[in-house]
Amino acid sequence: MPTTPDIKAEDYYKVLGVDRSASDSEIAKAYKKLALKYHPDKNPDNKAQAEENFKVITEAYEVLHDHDKRKAYDQFGKAGVSGGAGGPGGGPGVSFQHADEIFKAFFGAGDPFSFFGGDGDDDIAGFFGGKGGMPGGARVIFRNGGMPGMGGMGGMGGMPGMGGGDFSGFPGFGGMGMGPMGGMMGKGAGKSRPAPPAWAMPVNTAVVIHGLKSPEHNSKQGKVTAWDDSKGRYEVSLDSEEVTLSLRPANLTQRCTIKIVGIESQPDLNGKSAQILSFDKENWRYTVRLKERPASGRDALGLQPSNVILPKGTRVVLANLGKEEFNGLMANITDVHEDTSRYEVACQNGKAIKIKFENVIC
C-alpha cells in the first residue's frame, strides 16, 4: 500500500512512497510528482536543499524503474546496485547534471511545470483538450485486457464522435481493450505485416522513447514490432507492460552499443564501448552508459553524435546536411570509415552517400 514519500529514508521505495510491489506506472507517477515538487527551478528560495532532494528522488527512480537494477536492489539492497548510490542524505549518489538529464528525458520537450499546471497529476486534461493535448505523441494499441469491472469491453474504434478512441495510457482508461469493433488491434489480431524496408529499424530493435508531449511513456524501453509506411510510424511493444505504442521515428532512439571517439578532454574514454540510453534534441547529445565502470564511478556520459561511432547496420535519420533534400531522411549505415569519420549510408530515397558522424542520429 502506498505511503507518504520520505526523502530521508534509506529505502528507495520509501523515498518515492510506493509499495515494494508497485508497478512501473506507479513508480513513474511517484517520480513525476516528486520531481516536479522538488526540482530546484520550483524552489528558488531553497535551491541547495531542493537540489539534494531532487538527486535523492532521481537516484531512487533510476534504480526502481530499471528491471535489472530493481531486481538486484530487491535481492541485495544498495550493494546490488553499487556505483550509484551512497544513499540519501549526502552520499555520492547521482550528480545534479545526471538527475536533470533523467528529468528532461522523462518529460520530453517543453516546460513540464506549465504543462502540468503544478502538481503533475493531470494526465487526462491534456488529452481532452484542457492543457495541450498530444500533438506528435503516442497512439496506443492494446494487446490484451479490458476495462476493470466491464469484463473486457469489446471495442470503441467505430463509436460515433470518438474518432479512433486512443484512450490508453491515461488513468481510468488504461485497461480498455479494443475488440472486433475497434480501431485498435488486440493481441489476437493476426494481420500479417511486411518486413520493414531496409532503411527502417528491423523488428525486435531495442529502443527508448523520448520527446512525447504527454510524458507518461518517456524514457520507457521497448522493441519495434512493425513499421507502418502509410502512417510513417513504428509500432513499439513496451518491455514493462502489455501495451504497444504507435510512434514517430523522431520519438525513438535505438539502444545500441557504440564506440567513443574524439574526446580530447578525457582521452582515456576514446575506444571505450557504451550503450545509448537516450537522445536530447535540445542539447543534441546522447546519454550513454559505459560498459565498464571507470575508477571515478561515473558511467553515464553526454556525448555529441560526432563522438559516437554507430555500428554497421544501424538505422539512422540524417540531419544538418548542406543539401536540404537529405535532412530528415531515414537511412541504413552500410559501412563505417573511422579514419575519415564518415559513414556510408543507403537512404530511403534510393541514393547512397557518405556523411560525417555528426550528421546522423539513431
Protein backbone atom coordinates (compact mmCIF):
# COMPACT_ATOMS: atom_id res chain seq x y z
CA MET A 1 0.00 0.00 0.00
CA PRO A 2 1.47 3.41 -0.99
CA THR A 3 2.90 5.51 1.83
CA THR A 4 3.92 9.12 2.26
CA PRO A 5 7.23 9.78 0.48
CA ASP A 6 10.20 10.07 2.83
CA ILE A 7 13.16 11.79 1.16
CA LYS A 8 15.43 10.98 4.13
CA ALA A 9 14.69 7.25 4.09
CA GLU A 10 17.39 4.75 3.21
CA ASP A 11 14.91 2.58 1.31
CA TYR A 12 14.23 3.63 -2.29
CA TYR A 13 10.61 2.51 -2.10
CA LYS A 14 10.06 4.69 0.95
CA VAL A 15 11.76 7.63 -0.76
CA LEU A 16 9.17 7.52 -3.54
CA GLY A 17 6.34 6.50 -1.23
CA VAL A 18 5.44 3.33 -3.14
CA ASP A 19 4.89 -0.27 -2.14
CA ARG A 20 7.57 -2.86 -2.93
CA SER A 21 5.12 -4.46 -5.37
CA ALA A 22 4.47 -1.15 -7.16
CA SER A 23 4.03 -1.29 -10.93
CA ASP A 24 6.20 0.63 -13.37
CA SER A 25 3.44 3.17 -13.91
CA GLU A 26 3.06 3.72 -10.15
CA ILE A 27 6.80 4.27 -9.79
CA ALA A 28 6.79 6.67 -12.74
CA LYS A 29 3.83 8.59 -11.33
CA ALA A 30 5.50 8.90 -7.92
CA TYR A 31 8.74 10.13 -9.50
CA LYS A 32 6.88 12.59 -11.71
CA LYS A 33 5.05 14.17 -8.79
CA LEU A 34 8.12 14.39 -6.54
CA ALA A 35 10.47 15.58 -9.29
CA LEU A 36 8.12 18.42 -10.16
CA LYS A 37 7.75 19.30 -6.49
CA TYR A 38 11.46 19.26 -5.60
CA HIS A 39 13.10 20.42 -8.81
CA PRO A 40 15.38 23.37 -7.95
CA ASP A 41 13.63 25.55 -10.54
CA LYS A 42 10.44 25.21 -8.49
CA ASN A 43 12.25 26.08 -5.26
CA PRO A 44 14.28 29.24 -5.92
CA ASP A 45 14.28 30.22 -2.23
CA ASN A 46 15.80 26.93 -1.10
CA LYS A 47 17.64 25.76 -4.19
CA ALA A 48 20.52 23.93 -2.48
CA GLN A 49 18.26 21.68 -0.39
CA ALA A 50 15.89 21.17 -3.30
CA GLU A 51 18.80 20.02 -5.45
CA GLU A 52 19.81 17.41 -2.85
CA ASN A 53 16.22 16.17 -2.58
CA PHE A 54 15.91 16.10 -6.35
CA LYS A 55 19.04 13.94 -6.65
CA VAL A 56 17.77 11.51 -3.99
CA ILE A 57 14.43 11.14 -5.80
CA THR A 58 16.17 10.55 -9.13
CA GLU A 59 18.53 8.01 -7.58
CA ALA A 60 15.57 6.02 -6.28
CA TYR A 61 13.68 6.26 -9.56
CA GLU A 62 16.68 5.31 -11.68
CA VAL A 63 17.04 2.05 -9.77
CA LEU A 64 13.37 1.12 -9.41
CA HIS A 65 12.29 1.84 -12.99
CA ASP A 66 15.06 -0.36 -14.40
CA HIS A 67 14.01 -4.02 -14.17
CA ASP A 68 17.51 -5.43 -13.75
CA LYS A 69 18.58 -2.84 -11.17
CA ARG A 70 15.32 -3.23 -9.27
CA LYS A 71 15.74 -6.99 -9.13
CA ALA A 72 19.30 -6.61 -7.84
CA TYR A 73 18.18 -3.99 -5.31
CA ASP A 74 15.33 -6.17 -4.05
CA GLN A 75 17.75 -9.04 -3.56
CA PHE A 76 20.87 -7.33 -2.25
CA GLY A 77 19.90 -3.75 -1.36
CA LYS A 78 22.14 -0.88 -2.39
CA ALA A 79 25.13 -3.21 -2.58
CA GLY A 80 23.43 -4.83 -5.57
CA VAL A 81 23.37 -1.56 -7.49
CA SER A 82 26.74 -0.19 -6.42
CA GLY A 83 28.15 2.57 -8.49
CA GLY A 84 25.13 4.67 -7.84
CA ALA A 85 24.37 5.28 -4.61
CA GLY A 86 25.83 6.31 -1.45
CA GLY A 87 22.27 6.73 -0.35
CA PRO A 88 20.03 9.54 0.64
CA GLY A 89 21.33 12.16 2.98
CA GLY A 90 24.58 13.25 1.40
CA GLY A 91 26.19 10.19 -0.22
CA PRO A 92 27.72 10.40 -3.67
CA GLY A 93 24.56 9.22 -5.43
CA VAL A 94 23.89 10.86 -8.77
CA SER A 95 25.07 14.27 -9.87
CA PHE A 96 22.58 17.07 -10.41
CA GLN A 97 23.53 17.14 -14.10
CA HIS A 98 22.69 13.46 -14.45
CA ALA A 99 19.47 13.87 -12.45
CA ASP A 100 18.42 16.74 -14.69
CA GLU A 101 19.14 14.63 -17.80
CA ILE A 102 16.82 11.94 -16.46
CA PHE A 103 14.20 14.61 -15.72
CA LYS A 104 14.40 16.03 -19.26
CA ALA A 105 14.26 12.57 -20.82
CA PHE A 106 11.18 11.72 -18.75
CA PHE A 107 9.25 14.88 -19.59
CA GLY A 108 10.49 15.38 -23.13
CA ALA A 109 10.39 18.74 -24.88
CA GLY A 110 8.65 21.79 -23.47
CA ASP A 111 8.07 23.11 -19.98
CA PRO A 112 6.93 20.33 -17.64
CA PHE A 113 5.86 22.81 -14.98
CA SER A 114 3.46 24.70 -17.22
CA PHE A 115 2.23 21.51 -18.91
CA PHE A 116 1.04 20.00 -15.66
CA GLY A 117 -0.06 23.24 -14.05
CA GLY A 118 1.66 22.46 -10.78
CA ASP A 119 1.07 19.07 -9.25
CA GLY A 120 1.82 16.75 -12.15
CA ASP A 121 -1.32 14.67 -11.79
CA ASP A 122 -3.50 16.00 -14.60
CA ASP A 123 -2.77 13.38 -17.24
CA ILE A 124 -6.30 13.32 -18.65
CA ALA A 125 -6.89 17.06 -19.02
CA GLY A 126 -4.37 17.47 -21.83
CA PHE A 127 -5.88 14.59 -23.78
CA PHE A 128 -9.35 16.04 -23.70
CA GLY A 129 -8.21 19.49 -24.80
CA GLY A 130 -7.69 21.10 -21.42
CA LYS A 131 -3.91 21.50 -21.35
CA GLY A 132 -2.19 20.97 -24.61
CA GLY A 133 -3.27 17.57 -25.88
CA MET A 134 -0.95 15.08 -27.56
CA PRO A 135 0.32 16.52 -30.86
CA GLY A 136 3.11 14.33 -32.11
CA GLY A 137 2.52 11.90 -29.28
CA ALA A 138 1.90 8.21 -28.94
CA ARG A 139 -1.05 6.37 -30.41
CA VAL A 140 -1.65 3.42 -28.14
CA ILE A 141 -2.59 -0.05 -29.29
CA PHE A 142 -3.60 -2.52 -26.61
CA ARG A 143 -2.68 -6.15 -26.88
CA ASN A 144 -4.99 -7.53 -24.21
CA GLY A 145 -7.09 -6.68 -21.21
CA GLY A 146 -10.41 -4.97 -20.66
CA MET A 147 -11.71 -2.09 -18.64
CA PRO A 148 -11.86 -3.14 -14.96
CA GLY A 149 -15.37 -4.04 -13.94
CA MET A 150 -16.63 -4.35 -17.53
CA GLY A 151 -15.37 -7.79 -18.42
CA GLY A 152 -13.12 -6.83 -21.31
CA MET A 153 -15.07 -4.23 -23.24
CA GLY A 154 -15.26 -5.22 -26.87
CA GLY A 155 -14.20 -2.04 -28.64
CA MET A 156 -14.85 1.60 -29.32
CA GLY A 157 -12.99 2.21 -32.58
CA GLY A 158 -16.15 2.90 -34.58
CA MET A 159 -18.10 4.69 -31.89
CA PRO A 160 -19.68 7.91 -33.23
CA GLY A 161 -17.92 11.06 -32.15
CA MET A 162 -14.98 9.21 -30.61
CA GLY A 163 -12.60 9.09 -33.59
CA GLY A 164 -10.02 6.37 -33.19
CA GLY A 165 -10.61 6.07 -29.46
CA ASP A 166 -6.95 6.33 -28.39
CA PHE A 167 -7.65 6.42 -24.64
CA SER A 168 -4.92 4.13 -23.39
CA GLY A 169 -2.12 5.37 -21.23
CA PHE A 170 -4.43 7.61 -19.17
CA PRO A 171 -5.69 6.91 -15.66
CA GLY A 172 -9.07 5.26 -15.79
CA PHE A 173 -8.68 4.20 -19.41
CA GLY A 174 -5.58 2.01 -19.24
CA GLY A 175 -7.41 -1.31 -19.39
CA MET A 176 -9.72 -0.60 -22.30
CA GLY A 177 -9.01 -3.30 -24.86
CA MET A 178 -10.20 -2.96 -28.42
CA GLY A 179 -12.03 -5.98 -29.69
CA PRO A 180 -13.66 -6.90 -33.00
CA MET A 181 -15.27 -3.46 -33.47
CA GLY A 182 -12.24 -1.43 -32.51
CA GLY A 183 -9.93 0.86 -34.39
CA MET A 184 -7.02 -0.59 -32.39
CA MET A 185 -5.56 -4.04 -32.65
CA GLY A 186 -6.00 -6.67 -29.99
CA LYS A 187 -3.36 -9.24 -29.24
CA GLY A 188 -5.12 -11.79 -31.38
CA ALA A 189 -5.28 -9.60 -34.47
CA GLY A 190 -3.37 -11.86 -36.81
CA LYS A 191 -2.90 -9.33 -39.58
CA SER A 192 0.46 -10.07 -41.16
CA ARG A 193 2.84 -7.19 -41.76
CA PRO A 194 5.52 -6.98 -44.42
CA ALA A 195 9.10 -6.73 -43.21
CA PRO A 196 10.26 -3.12 -42.71
CA PRO A 197 12.20 -1.63 -45.63
CA ALA A 198 15.99 -1.69 -45.49
CA TRP A 199 16.20 1.91 -44.19
CA ALA A 200 13.74 1.33 -41.30
CA MET A 201 14.54 -0.34 -37.98
CA PRO A 202 14.09 -4.11 -38.13
CA VAL A 203 11.59 -5.94 -35.95
CA ASN A 204 12.92 -6.52 -32.40
CA THR A 205 15.22 -3.47 -32.46
CA ALA A 206 15.57 -2.24 -28.86
CA VAL A 207 14.53 1.41 -28.46
CA VAL A 208 13.90 4.07 -25.82
CA ILE A 209 11.04 6.58 -26.06
CA HIS A 210 11.52 10.32 -25.64
CA GLY A 211 10.06 13.69 -26.53
CA LEU A 212 6.35 12.87 -26.17
CA LYS A 213 4.20 15.81 -25.10
CA SER A 214 2.40 13.56 -22.63
CA PRO A 215 5.37 12.25 -20.63
CA GLU A 216 3.94 9.04 -19.20
CA HIS A 217 5.83 6.89 -21.69
CA ASN A 218 9.00 8.97 -22.00
CA SER A 219 12.16 7.04 -21.01
CA LYS A 220 10.36 3.70 -21.30
CA GLN A 221 12.07 0.95 -23.24
CA GLY A 222 10.60 -1.38 -25.81
CA LYS A 223 11.09 -3.25 -29.07
CA VAL A 224 9.97 -2.50 -32.61
CA THR A 225 7.25 -4.88 -33.74
CA ALA A 226 6.35 -3.30 -37.11
CA TRP A 227 6.75 -0.30 -39.42
CA ASP A 228 3.58 1.27 -40.82
CA ASP A 229 4.68 3.01 -44.01
CA SER A 230 1.28 4.60 -44.61
CA LYS A 231 1.45 6.41 -41.25
CA GLY A 232 5.21 6.87 -41.04
CA ARG A 233 5.19 5.28 -37.58
CA TYR A 234 6.74 2.35 -35.78
CA GLU A 235 4.74 0.04 -33.56
CA VAL A 236 6.67 -0.49 -30.35
CA SER A 237 5.92 -3.09 -27.70
CA LEU A 238 6.89 -1.86 -24.23
CA ASP A 239 9.19 -4.04 -22.16
CA SER A 240 7.45 -3.12 -18.92
CA GLU A 241 3.75 -3.57 -19.73
CA GLU A 242 1.33 -5.19 -22.14
CA VAL A 243 0.97 -2.15 -24.38
CA THR A 244 2.01 -1.40 -27.95
CA LEU A 245 2.51 2.22 -29.00
CA SER A 246 2.44 3.75 -32.48
CA LEU A 247 5.31 6.25 -32.55
CA ARG A 248 7.05 8.55 -34.98
CA PRO A 249 10.76 7.89 -35.65
CA ALA A 250 11.60 11.23 -34.01
CA ASN A 251 10.35 9.87 -30.66
CA LEU A 252 12.61 6.81 -30.68
CA THR A 253 16.31 6.24 -30.12
CA GLN A 254 17.97 2.86 -30.59
CA ARG A 255 19.61 1.30 -27.54
CA CYS A 256 22.66 0.17 -29.46
CA THR A 257 26.26 -0.31 -28.42
CA ILE A 258 28.60 2.41 -29.67
CA LYS A 259 32.31 3.25 -29.64
CA ILE A 260 33.50 6.55 -28.18
CA VAL A 261 35.93 8.67 -30.22
CA GLY A 262 37.37 12.16 -30.34
CA ILE A 263 37.14 13.10 -26.65
CA GLU A 264 40.08 15.46 -26.16
CA SER A 265 39.34 16.40 -22.54
CA GLN A 266 39.23 12.74 -21.43
CA PRO A 267 41.26 10.76 -23.97
CA ASP A 268 41.10 7.62 -21.81
CA LEU A 269 37.44 7.32 -22.84
CA ASN A 270 38.28 7.00 -26.53
CA GLY A 271 37.82 3.48 -27.79
CA LYS A 272 35.51 2.54 -24.90
CA SER A 273 32.19 0.82 -25.57
CA ALA A 274 28.93 2.23 -24.23
CA GLN A 275 25.20 1.74 -24.63
CA ILE A 276 22.94 4.55 -25.77
CA LEU A 277 20.29 5.36 -23.15
CA SER A 278 18.56 8.35 -24.75
CA PHE A 279 18.95 11.38 -27.03
CA ASP A 280 18.35 15.00 -26.03
CA LYS A 281 17.28 17.04 -29.05
CA GLU A 282 17.70 20.38 -27.31
CA ASN A 283 21.36 19.75 -26.49
CA TRP A 284 21.88 17.42 -29.46
CA ARG A 285 23.56 14.83 -27.26
CA TYR A 286 23.23 11.16 -26.49
CA THR A 287 23.21 9.96 -22.93
CA VAL A 288 25.29 6.78 -22.86
CA ARG A 289 26.38 4.33 -20.19
CA LEU A 290 29.87 2.85 -20.30
CA LYS A 291 30.07 -0.92 -20.50
CA GLU A 292 32.88 -0.89 -17.92
CA ARG A 293 32.58 1.42 -14.93
CA PRO A 294 35.63 3.72 -14.62
CA ALA A 295 37.52 4.28 -11.38
CA SER A 296 35.71 7.61 -10.95
CA GLY A 297 32.43 5.69 -10.66
CA ARG A 298 30.66 7.87 -13.21
CA ASP A 299 29.45 5.65 -16.01
CA ALA A 300 26.79 7.90 -17.62
CA LEU A 301 28.02 10.48 -20.14
CA GLY A 302 26.59 13.04 -22.52
CA LEU A 303 28.13 12.74 -26.00
CA GLN A 304 27.67 14.60 -29.27
CA PRO A 305 27.00 12.44 -32.36
CA SER A 306 30.49 13.35 -33.62
CA ASN A 307 31.95 11.48 -30.62
CA VAL A 308 29.94 8.33 -31.27
CA ILE A 309 30.57 5.56 -33.79
CA LEU A 310 27.40 3.65 -34.56
CA PRO A 311 27.78 0.06 -35.79
CA LYS A 312 27.22 -1.01 -39.36
CA GLY A 313 23.56 -1.83 -39.94
CA THR A 314 22.23 0.85 -37.58
CA ARG A 315 19.20 2.70 -38.93
CA VAL A 316 19.60 6.47 -38.69
CA VAL A 317 18.00 9.80 -39.57
CA LEU A 318 20.10 12.33 -41.49
CA ALA A 319 20.48 15.84 -40.05
CA ASN A 320 22.25 19.18 -40.50
CA LEU A 321 23.39 18.50 -44.06
CA GLY A 322 24.01 21.26 -46.57
CA LYS A 323 21.70 19.55 -49.06
CA GLU A 324 18.29 20.10 -47.52
CA GLU A 325 16.65 17.31 -49.51
CA PHE A 326 18.57 14.76 -47.43
CA ASN A 327 17.77 16.16 -43.99
CA GLY A 328 15.17 14.07 -42.20
CA LEU A 329 15.60 11.05 -44.45
CA MET A 330 15.85 7.63 -42.86
CA ALA A 331 18.86 5.54 -43.85
CA ASN A 332 20.86 2.39 -43.15
CA ILE A 333 24.58 2.54 -42.30
CA THR A 334 26.24 0.24 -44.82
CA ASP A 335 29.86 0.96 -43.90
CA VAL A 336 31.92 2.82 -41.31
CA HIS A 337 35.17 4.67 -42.08
CA GLU A 338 36.71 5.54 -38.73
CA ASP A 339 39.84 7.05 -40.30
CA THR A 340 37.83 9.78 -42.06
CA SER A 341 34.94 9.95 -39.54
CA ARG A 342 32.42 9.06 -42.23
CA TYR A 343 29.53 6.66 -42.68
CA GLU A 344 28.30 5.22 -45.96
CA VAL A 345 24.51 5.17 -45.83
CA ALA A 346 21.73 3.87 -48.08
CA CYS A 347 18.88 6.40 -47.94
CA GLN A 348 15.15 5.86 -48.24
CA ASN A 349 15.20 7.91 -51.48
CA GLY A 350 17.36 5.19 -53.06
CA LYS A 351 20.61 7.16 -53.00
CA ALA A 352 23.87 6.08 -51.32
CA ILE A 353 26.04 8.84 -49.83
CA LYS A 354 28.98 9.36 -47.48
CA ILE A 355 28.39 11.64 -44.49
CA LYS A 356 30.17 12.70 -41.31
CA PHE A 357 29.45 11.01 -37.97
CA GLU A 358 27.85 14.25 -36.75
CA ASN A 359 25.19 14.19 -39.48
CA VAL A 360 23.21 11.16 -38.29
CA ILE A 361 21.22 10.27 -35.20
CA CYS A 362 20.00 6.79 -34.41
